[in-house]
Amino acid sequence: MTVPSIRASAFATLSLANNLLGLALGPIVTGRIADSLGLAGALRIVPWVGVLAIPALLVGWRTHHSSLTRLGLAGPGVDTGDPDADAAATAAAPRVAP
């Protein structure tokens, strides 16, 4: 879903966030929950964090193309990775006479 010109930066940002939030905070939070509820209780609760992330991911997925358009990164001749959006942008582009 990322345009090729910023793909490396997007992957680096994702990797950083994943490491800081998941690998660093995950065991600490799980340990704190396990201290208060027991390990079985913690392991029943922690996976729900992923379920709670789904709405945020859906919002990002639905607003991605409009954000690219606002930044001037989507339109005719720009590969957004979404064939339907690329076709719609090409069809909506004004025709220039030769």
N, C-alpha and C. Protein backbone atom coordinates (compact mmCIF):
# COMPACT_ATOMS: atom_id res chain seq x y z
N MET A 1 0.81 -1.19 0.00
CA MET A 1 0.00 0.00 0.00
C MET A 1 0.86 1.26 0.00
N THR A 2 2.15 1.12 0.00
CA THR A 2 3.02 2.29 0.03
C THR A 2 3.57 2.55 -1.36
N VAL A 3 3.62 3.80 -1.76
CA VAL A 3 4.16 4.14 -3.06
C VAL A 3 5.66 3.81 -3.07
N PRO A 4 6.19 3.43 -4.23
CA PRO A 4 7.59 3.00 -4.29
C PRO A 4 8.59 4.04 -3.80
N SER A 5 8.31 5.31 -3.96
CA SER A 5 9.28 6.34 -3.59
C SER A 5 9.50 6.45 -2.08
N ILE A 6 8.57 5.98 -1.27
CA ILE A 6 8.74 6.06 0.19
C ILE A 6 8.68 4.69 0.85
N ARG A 7 8.78 3.65 0.06
CA ARG A 7 8.63 2.29 0.60
C ARG A 7 9.70 1.97 1.65
N ALA A 8 10.95 2.33 1.40
CA ALA A 8 12.02 2.02 2.35
C ALA A 8 11.83 2.78 3.67
N SER A 9 11.43 4.04 3.57
CA SER A 9 11.19 4.82 4.79
C SER A 9 10.01 4.26 5.58
N ALA A 10 8.97 3.85 4.87
CA ALA A 10 7.81 3.27 5.55
C ALA A 10 8.18 1.97 6.24
N PHE A 11 8.98 1.14 5.58
CA PHE A 11 9.39 -0.12 6.20
C PHE A 11 10.28 0.13 7.42
N ALA A 12 11.17 1.11 7.32
CA ALA A 12 12.03 1.43 8.46
C ALA A 12 11.22 1.94 9.64
N THR A 13 10.22 2.77 9.38
CA THR A 13 9.35 3.27 10.44
C THR A 13 8.55 2.14 11.07
N LEU A 14 8.04 1.24 10.24
CA LEU A 14 7.31 0.09 10.75
C LEU A 14 8.21 -0.79 11.62
N SER A 15 9.42 -1.04 11.16
CA SER A 15 10.36 -1.87 11.93
C SER A 15 10.70 -1.22 13.28
N LEU A 16 10.92 0.08 13.27
CA LEU A 16 11.22 0.79 14.51
C LEU A 16 10.05 0.72 15.49
N ALA A 17 8.86 1.00 15.00
CA ALA A 17 7.67 0.96 15.86
C ALA A 17 7.43 -0.45 16.38
N ASN A 18 7.60 -1.45 15.52
CA ASN A 18 7.40 -2.84 15.93
C ASN A 18 8.38 -3.22 17.03
N ASN A 19 9.62 -2.82 16.89
CA ASN A 19 10.63 -3.16 17.90
C ASN A 19 10.41 -2.40 19.19
N LEU A 20 10.10 -1.10 19.10
CA LEU A 20 9.91 -0.32 20.32
C LEU A 20 8.66 -0.73 21.09
N LEU A 21 7.57 -0.93 20.36
CA LEU A 21 6.31 -1.24 21.03
C LEU A 21 6.14 -2.73 21.31
N GLY A 22 6.49 -3.56 20.35
CA GLY A 22 6.24 -4.99 20.50
C GLY A 22 7.32 -5.71 21.27
N LEU A 23 8.56 -5.55 20.83
CA LEU A 23 9.63 -6.32 21.45
C LEU A 23 10.10 -5.72 22.77
N ALA A 24 10.00 -4.42 22.93
CA ALA A 24 10.46 -3.80 24.16
C ALA A 24 9.36 -3.78 25.23
N LEU A 25 8.19 -3.30 24.86
CA LEU A 25 7.12 -3.16 25.84
C LEU A 25 6.31 -4.43 26.05
N GLY A 26 6.24 -5.28 25.05
CA GLY A 26 5.41 -6.49 25.14
C GLY A 26 5.71 -7.36 26.34
N PRO A 27 6.97 -7.77 26.55
CA PRO A 27 7.27 -8.61 27.71
C PRO A 27 7.04 -7.90 29.04
N ILE A 28 7.29 -6.60 29.09
CA ILE A 28 7.09 -5.85 30.33
C ILE A 28 5.61 -5.82 30.70
N VAL A 29 4.78 -5.48 29.72
CA VAL A 29 3.33 -5.40 29.97
C VAL A 29 2.78 -6.78 30.29
N THR A 30 3.21 -7.78 29.54
CA THR A 30 2.74 -9.15 29.81
C THR A 30 3.16 -9.60 31.21
N GLY A 31 4.38 -9.26 31.61
CA GLY A 31 4.85 -9.62 32.95
C GLY A 31 4.05 -8.94 34.05
N ARG A 32 3.73 -7.66 33.84
CA ARG A 32 2.92 -6.94 34.85
C ARG A 32 1.53 -7.55 34.98
N ILE A 33 0.94 -7.87 33.81
CA ILE A 33 -0.39 -8.50 33.85
C ILE A 33 -0.30 -9.87 34.52
N ALA A 34 0.76 -10.61 34.20
CA ALA A 34 0.94 -11.94 34.80
C ALA A 34 1.14 -11.85 36.30
N ASP A 35 1.81 -10.81 36.77
CA ASP A 35 1.99 -10.63 38.22
C ASP A 35 0.67 -10.42 38.94
N SER A 36 -0.27 -9.75 38.26
CA SER A 36 -1.54 -9.48 38.94
C SER A 36 -2.60 -10.54 38.68
N LEU A 37 -2.59 -11.17 37.50
CA LEU A 37 -3.64 -12.14 37.16
C LEU A 37 -3.15 -13.57 37.06
N GLY A 38 -1.86 -13.77 37.06
CA GLY A 38 -1.30 -15.09 36.80
C GLY A 38 -0.95 -15.21 35.32
N LEU A 39 -0.07 -16.14 35.02
CA LEU A 39 0.41 -16.28 33.64
C LEU A 39 -0.70 -16.68 32.68
N ALA A 40 -1.56 -17.60 33.10
CA ALA A 40 -2.65 -18.04 32.22
C ALA A 40 -3.59 -16.87 31.90
N GLY A 41 -3.88 -16.06 32.88
CA GLY A 41 -4.75 -14.90 32.65
C GLY A 41 -4.12 -13.89 31.72
N ALA A 42 -2.81 -13.68 31.90
CA ALA A 42 -2.10 -12.74 31.03
C ALA A 42 -2.08 -13.23 29.59
N LEU A 43 -1.85 -14.52 29.42
CA LEU A 43 -1.80 -15.07 28.07
C LEU A 43 -3.17 -15.15 27.41
N ARG A 44 -4.23 -15.03 28.19
CA ARG A 44 -5.57 -14.93 27.61
C ARG A 44 -5.90 -13.50 27.20
N ILE A 45 -5.33 -12.51 27.89
CA ILE A 45 -5.64 -11.10 27.64
C ILE A 45 -4.76 -10.48 26.55
N VAL A 46 -3.48 -10.78 26.56
CA VAL A 46 -2.52 -10.10 25.68
C VAL A 46 -2.87 -10.23 24.19
N PRO A 47 -3.33 -11.37 23.67
CA PRO A 47 -3.64 -11.43 22.23
C PRO A 47 -4.75 -10.48 21.78
N TRP A 48 -5.56 -10.01 22.71
CA TRP A 48 -6.64 -9.09 22.35
C TRP A 48 -6.12 -7.72 21.91
N VAL A 49 -4.88 -7.43 22.20
CA VAL A 49 -4.28 -6.17 21.74
C VAL A 49 -4.31 -6.13 20.22
N GLY A 50 -4.02 -7.26 19.59
CA GLY A 50 -4.08 -7.33 18.12
C GLY A 50 -5.48 -7.09 17.60
N VAL A 51 -6.46 -7.62 18.28
CA VAL A 51 -7.86 -7.41 17.86
C VAL A 51 -8.23 -5.94 18.01
N LEU A 52 -7.74 -5.30 19.06
CA LEU A 52 -8.04 -3.88 19.26
C LEU A 52 -7.34 -3.00 18.22
N ALA A 53 -6.28 -3.50 17.61
CA ALA A 53 -5.57 -2.73 16.58
C ALA A 53 -6.30 -2.73 15.25
N ILE A 54 -7.19 -3.66 15.03
CA ILE A 54 -7.89 -3.78 13.74
C ILE A 54 -8.60 -2.50 13.33
N PRO A 55 -9.35 -1.81 14.20
CA PRO A 55 -9.99 -0.56 13.76
C PRO A 55 -8.99 0.49 13.27
N ALA A 56 -7.86 0.61 13.95
CA ALA A 56 -6.85 1.58 13.50
C ALA A 56 -6.31 1.20 12.13
N LEU A 57 -6.08 -0.08 11.90
CA LEU A 57 -5.59 -0.52 10.60
C LEU A 57 -6.63 -0.30 9.51
N LEU A 58 -7.89 -0.51 9.83
CA LEU A 58 -8.96 -0.27 8.84
C LEU A 58 -9.07 1.20 8.47
N VAL A 59 -8.94 2.08 9.45
CA VAL A 59 -8.98 3.52 9.17
C VAL A 59 -7.82 3.90 8.25
N GLY A 60 -6.64 3.39 8.54
CA GLY A 60 -5.48 3.68 7.68
C GLY A 60 -5.66 3.15 6.29
N TRP A 61 -6.22 1.97 6.16
CA TRP A 61 -6.44 1.36 4.85
C TRP A 61 -7.45 2.17 4.04
N ARG A 62 -8.50 2.66 4.70
CA ARG A 62 -9.54 3.40 3.99
C ARG A 62 -9.10 4.81 3.60
N THR A 63 -8.19 5.42 4.35
CA THR A 63 -7.80 6.80 4.08
C THR A 63 -6.46 6.91 3.35
N HIS A 64 -5.84 5.80 3.04
CA HIS A 64 -4.51 5.82 2.42
C HIS A 64 -4.49 6.55 1.08
N HIS A 65 -5.41 6.20 0.18
CA HIS A 65 -5.40 6.82 -1.15
C HIS A 65 -5.71 8.31 -1.09
N SER A 66 -6.67 8.70 -0.25
CA SER A 66 -6.98 10.14 -0.15
C SER A 66 -5.81 10.92 0.43
N SER A 67 -5.05 10.30 1.33
CA SER A 67 -3.87 10.97 1.87
C SER A 67 -2.80 11.14 0.79
N LEU A 68 -2.62 10.13 -0.04
CA LEU A 68 -1.66 10.23 -1.14
C LEU A 68 -2.08 11.32 -2.12
N THR A 69 -3.37 11.39 -2.40
CA THR A 69 -3.87 12.41 -3.32
C THR A 69 -3.62 13.80 -2.75
N ARG A 70 -3.88 13.99 -1.47
CA ARG A 70 -3.67 15.28 -0.82
C ARG A 70 -2.19 15.69 -0.86
N LEU A 71 -1.29 14.72 -0.78
CA LEU A 71 0.14 15.01 -0.82
C LEU A 71 0.68 15.14 -2.24
N GLY A 72 -0.17 14.87 -3.21
CA GLY A 72 0.26 14.95 -4.60
C GLY A 72 1.03 13.72 -5.05
N LEU A 73 0.90 12.63 -4.33
CA LEU A 73 1.61 11.40 -4.68
C LEU A 73 0.73 10.41 -5.42
N ALA A 74 -0.52 10.76 -5.65
CA ALA A 74 -1.42 9.88 -6.39
C ALA A 74 -2.01 10.67 -7.54
N GLY A 75 -2.26 9.99 -8.59
CA GLY A 75 -2.84 10.62 -9.77
C GLY A 75 -2.40 9.90 -11.01
N PRO A 76 -2.66 10.46 -12.18
CA PRO A 76 -2.27 9.80 -13.41
C PRO A 76 -0.76 9.60 -13.49
N GLY A 77 -0.37 8.40 -13.84
CA GLY A 77 1.05 8.12 -14.00
C GLY A 77 1.77 7.77 -12.71
N VAL A 78 1.07 7.78 -11.57
CA VAL A 78 1.68 7.44 -10.29
C VAL A 78 1.14 6.08 -9.87
N ASP A 79 2.04 5.14 -9.64
CA ASP A 79 1.64 3.80 -9.22
C ASP A 79 1.43 3.80 -7.72
N THR A 80 0.16 3.67 -7.30
CA THR A 80 -0.14 3.66 -5.87
C THR A 80 -0.18 2.25 -5.32
N GLY A 81 -0.08 1.25 -6.18
CA GLY A 81 -0.17 -0.13 -5.73
C GLY A 81 -1.60 -0.63 -5.70
N ASP A 82 -2.57 0.23 -5.95
CA ASP A 82 -3.98 -0.15 -5.98
C ASP A 82 -4.46 -0.03 -7.42
N PRO A 83 -4.63 -1.16 -8.13
CA PRO A 83 -5.01 -1.10 -9.55
C PRO A 83 -6.31 -0.35 -9.80
N ASP A 84 -7.29 -0.49 -8.90
CA ASP A 84 -8.56 0.21 -9.09
C ASP A 84 -8.38 1.72 -8.97
N ALA A 85 -7.61 2.16 -7.98
CA ALA A 85 -7.38 3.59 -7.79
C ALA A 85 -6.55 4.15 -8.94
N ASP A 86 -5.56 3.40 -9.42
CA ASP A 86 -4.75 3.86 -10.54
C ASP A 86 -5.60 4.01 -11.80
N ALA A 87 -6.49 3.03 -12.04
CA ALA A 87 -7.36 3.09 -13.22
C ALA A 87 -8.32 4.28 -13.11
N ALA A 88 -8.87 4.51 -11.93
CA ALA A 88 -9.80 5.63 -11.73
C ALA A 88 -9.08 6.96 -11.92
N ALA A 89 -7.85 7.08 -11.45
CA ALA A 89 -7.09 8.32 -11.60
C ALA A 89 -6.76 8.58 -13.06
N THR A 90 -6.43 7.53 -13.79
CA THR A 90 -6.12 7.66 -15.21
C THR A 90 -7.35 8.06 -15.99
N ALA A 91 -8.51 7.45 -15.65
CA ALA A 91 -9.76 7.77 -16.35
C ALA A 91 -10.22 9.18 -16.06
N ALA A 92 -9.95 9.69 -14.86
CA ALA A 92 -10.39 11.04 -14.48
C ALA A 92 -9.44 12.13 -14.93
N ALA A 93 -8.29 11.74 -15.44
CA ALA A 93 -7.28 12.75 -15.86
C ALA A 93 -7.80 13.51 -17.09
N PRO A 94 -7.54 14.81 -17.13
CA PRO A 94 -7.97 15.59 -18.30
C PRO A 94 -7.17 15.16 -19.54
N ARG A 95 -7.85 15.14 -20.66
CA ARG A 95 -7.23 14.77 -21.93
C ARG A 95 -6.57 16.00 -22.54
N VAL A 96 -5.33 15.85 -22.93
CA VAL A 96 -4.60 16.96 -23.54
C VAL A 96 -4.44 16.66 -25.04
N ALA A 97 -4.88 17.61 -25.85
CA ALA A 97 -4.76 17.41 -27.30
C ALA A 97 -3.31 17.54 -27.72
N PRO A 98 -2.86 16.69 -28.66
CA PRO A 98 -1.47 16.77 -29.13
C PRO A 98 -1.19 18.01 -29.94
